[in-house]
Protein backbone atom coordinates (compact mmCIF):
# COMPACT_ATOMS: atom_id res chain seq x y z
CA UNK A 1 20.22 21.00 -1.72
CA UNK A 2 19.66 17.91 -3.89
CA UNK A 3 19.43 15.75 -0.76
CA UNK A 4 16.68 17.96 0.69
CA UNK A 5 14.70 17.84 -2.56
CA UNK A 6 15.04 14.07 -2.68
CA UNK A 7 13.87 13.65 0.93
CA UNK A 8 10.94 15.97 0.34
CA UNK A 9 9.99 14.02 -2.79
CA UNK A 10 10.36 10.69 -0.95
CA UNK A 11 8.16 11.92 1.91
CA UNK A 12 5.53 13.08 -0.59
CA UNK A 13 5.53 9.70 -2.33
CA UNK A 14 5.27 7.87 1.00
CA UNK A 15 2.35 10.02 2.20
CA UNK A 16 0.55 9.61 -1.14
CA UNK A 17 1.04 5.84 -0.99
CA UNK A 18 -0.30 5.62 2.56
CA UNK A 19 -3.35 7.73 1.65
CA UNK A 20 -4.21 5.26 -1.11
CA UNK A 21 -4.50 2.36 1.35
CA UNK A 22 -7.69 1.21 2.99
CA UNK A 23 -7.85 1.04 6.78
CA UNK A 24 -7.58 -2.77 6.62
CA UNK A 25 -4.42 -2.56 4.51
CA UNK A 26 -2.88 0.01 6.86
CA UNK A 27 -3.56 -2.35 9.79
CA UNK A 28 -1.85 -5.20 7.92
CA UNK A 29 1.17 -3.04 7.26
CA UNK A 30 1.27 -1.84 10.87
CA UNK A 31 1.02 -5.44 12.07
CA UNK A 32 4.23 -6.32 10.24
CA UNK A 33 5.94 -3.12 11.43
CA UNK A 34 5.00 -3.83 15.06
CA UNK A 35 6.15 -7.45 14.87
CA UNK A 36 9.49 -6.43 13.32
CA UNK A 37 10.09 -2.76 14.22
CA UNK A 38 13.85 -2.76 13.61
CA UNK A 39 13.51 -4.58 10.32
CA UNK A 40 10.73 -2.22 9.23
CA UNK A 41 12.85 0.88 9.88
CA UNK A 42 15.70 -0.71 7.93
CA UNK A 43 13.31 -1.63 5.10
CA UNK A 44 12.18 1.99 4.86
CA UNK A 45 15.80 3.15 4.73
CA UNK A 46 16.61 0.51 2.10
CA UNK A 47 13.61 1.68 0.08
CA UNK A 48 14.83 5.29 0.10
CA UNK A 49 18.39 4.26 -0.83
CA UNK A 50 17.11 2.02 -3.63
CA UNK A 51 14.91 4.79 -5.01
CA UNK A 52 17.83 7.26 -5.03
CA UNK A 53 20.31 4.85 -6.63
CA UNK A 54 17.87 3.71 -9.29
CA UNK A 55 16.81 7.25 -10.18
CA UNK A 56 20.47 8.12 -10.71
CA UNK A 57 21.32 5.02 -12.78
CA UNK A 58 18.05 4.70 -14.73
CA UNK A 59 16.46 8.15 -14.91
CA UNK A 60 14.00 7.14 -17.64
CA UNK A 61 12.95 3.62 -16.63
CA UNK A 62 13.21 3.52 -12.82
CA UNK A 63 9.47 3.96 -12.30
CA UNK A 64 8.12 2.51 -15.53
CA UNK A 65 8.01 -1.12 -16.58
CA UNK A 66 11.50 -0.95 -18.06
CA UNK A 67 14.83 -2.43 -17.12
CA UNK A 68 15.33 0.28 -14.46
CA UNK A 69 12.25 -0.97 -12.65
CA UNK A 70 13.58 -4.54 -12.81
CA UNK A 71 16.88 -3.37 -11.36
CA UNK A 72 15.06 -1.37 -8.66
CA UNK A 73 13.03 -4.34 -7.42
CA UNK A 74 16.05 -6.66 -7.29
CA UNK A 75 18.23 -4.05 -5.56
CA UNK A 76 15.42 -3.28 -3.12
CA UNK A 77 15.27 -6.87 -1.89
CA UNK A 78 19.07 -7.07 -1.71
CA UNK A 79 19.33 -3.90 0.39
CA UNK A 80 16.49 -4.75 2.75
CA UNK A 81 18.06 -8.15 3.37
CA UNK A 82 21.55 -6.69 3.71
CA UNK A 83 20.51 -4.14 6.34
CA UNK A 84 18.39 -6.64 8.27
CA UNK A 85 21.27 -9.15 8.19
CA UNK A 86 23.44 -6.71 10.09
CA UNK A 87 21.20 -7.01 13.16
CA UNK A 88 19.89 -10.56 12.80
CA UNK A 89 20.52 -13.87 11.08
CA UNK A 90 20.45 -14.08 7.32
CA UNK A 91 17.63 -16.62 7.52
CA UNK A 92 15.38 -14.22 9.47
CA UNK A 93 16.35 -11.31 7.22
CA UNK A 94 15.50 -13.25 4.07
CA UNK A 95 12.17 -14.40 5.50
CA UNK A 96 11.26 -10.83 6.54
CA UNK A 97 12.28 -9.40 3.16
CA UNK A 98 10.13 -11.91 1.29
CA UNK A 99 7.17 -11.16 3.56
CA UNK A 100 7.65 -7.40 3.28
CA UNK A 101 8.09 -7.29 -0.51
CA UNK A 102 5.24 -9.73 -1.16
CA UNK A 103 3.01 -7.65 1.10
CA UNK A 104 3.96 -4.54 -0.86
CA UNK A 105 2.74 -6.21 -4.06
CA UNK A 106 -0.53 -7.19 -2.35
CA UNK A 107 -1.15 -3.75 -0.81
CA UNK A 108 -0.35 -1.85 -4.01
CA UNK A 109 -1.72 -4.16 -6.71
CA UNK A 110 -0.77 -3.88 -10.37
CA UNK A 111 -1.99 -5.56 -13.51
CA UNK A 112 -1.20 -9.32 -13.42
CA UNK A 113 1.79 -9.13 -15.79
CA UNK A 114 3.31 -6.24 -13.82
CA UNK A 115 2.82 -8.16 -10.58
CA UNK A 116 4.51 -11.23 -12.05
CA UNK A 117 7.40 -9.02 -13.18
CA UNK A 118 7.79 -7.36 -9.77
CA UNK A 119 7.58 -10.61 -7.79
CA UNK A 120 10.05 -12.28 -10.13
CA UNK A 121 12.55 -9.41 -9.88
CA UNK A 122 12.17 -9.43 -6.08
CA UNK A 123 12.99 -13.15 -6.15
CA UNK A 124 16.04 -12.48 -8.36
CA UNK A 125 17.23 -9.98 -5.75
CA UNK A 126 16.87 -12.51 -2.94
CA UNK A 127 18.58 -15.15 -5.05
CA UNK A 128 21.45 -12.75 -5.79
CA UNK A 129 21.80 -12.00 -2.08
CA UNK A 130 21.85 -15.70 -1.17
CA UNK A 131 24.47 -16.44 -3.85
CA UNK A 132 26.72 -13.69 -2.54
CA UNK A 133 26.18 -14.79 1.06
CA UNK A 134 28.30 -17.88 0.49
CA UNK A 135 31.39 -15.82 -0.40
CA UNK A 136 31.16 -12.78 1.89
CA UNK A 137 30.33 -12.58 5.59
CA UNK A 138 26.98 -10.83 5.97
CA UNK A 139 28.46 -8.09 8.17
CA UNK A 140 30.77 -6.98 5.35
CA UNK A 141 28.19 -6.54 2.59
CA UNK A 142 28.14 -3.16 0.88
CA UNK A 143 25.55 -1.62 -1.41
CA UNK A 144 28.05 -1.38 -4.26
CA UNK A 145 28.43 -5.19 -4.34
CA UNK A 146 24.78 -5.57 -5.27
CA UNK A 147 24.67 -2.59 -7.62
CA UNK A 148 27.56 -4.02 -9.66
CA UNK A 149 26.11 -7.53 -9.77
CA UNK A 150 22.61 -6.35 -10.71
CA UNK A 151 23.87 -3.90 -13.33
CA UNK A 152 25.42 -6.93 -15.05
CA UNK A 153 22.07 -8.70 -14.85
CA UNK A 154 20.35 -5.79 -16.63
CA UNK A 155 22.45 -6.60 -19.71
CA UNK A 156 20.73 -9.99 -20.02
CA UNK A 157 17.27 -8.93 -18.84
CA UNK A 158 14.39 -10.43 -20.80
CA UNK A 159 11.10 -8.95 -21.95
CA UNK A 160 8.14 -10.55 -20.18
CA UNK A 161 5.25 -11.00 -22.61
CA UNK A 162 2.80 -13.40 -20.92
CA UNK A 163 1.82 -14.81 -17.55
CA UNK A 164 2.71 -18.32 -18.75
CA UNK A 165 6.22 -17.39 -19.88
CA UNK A 166 9.05 -19.32 -18.22
CA UNK A 167 11.68 -16.82 -17.16
CA UNK A 168 14.55 -18.48 -15.35
CA UNK A 169 16.76 -16.38 -13.11
CA UNK A 170 17.14 -13.28 -15.29
CA UNK A 171 15.66 -9.89 -14.56
CA UNK A 172 12.51 -9.19 -16.57
CA UNK A 173 10.80 -6.06 -17.81
CA UNK A 174 7.76 -5.25 -19.93
CA UNK A 175 8.98 -2.42 -22.14
CA UNK A 176 11.54 0.35 -22.33
């Protein structure tokens, strides 16, 4: 029953998000989906998995500007890349993930500080993936590897207070 409710909620969120886009933005999104259809299906699946995992682990901050949101963005990029890596090279998967997640930030704009936070946490996710790639063959990656690694990173996450702030490679959030 919980699975059905989650899928219904996810479908509602997706439809609401698509309705908010202009025709030009929908065409941009479709252009990427048509160029990389397999990757795009995997990115949608990774998005749903990420949303479910983050809601379970961070019920209060997964969709705010808190540490749960930071975790969600980093996990999202890890999972998209992981799934795409299973059908293509890691280089192509990483390039697609960066394009897809950057496009998401352009199509659904936030305030500048929120955008900086999201883009940074996406980059931390890609960096985490690339670091793990050296020790594990890409075909053997599992979601739990990234969840564990990123949960550790939430312990050292930093509060982002300005656009000029130098962050390093830690997750960042705006407030709890």
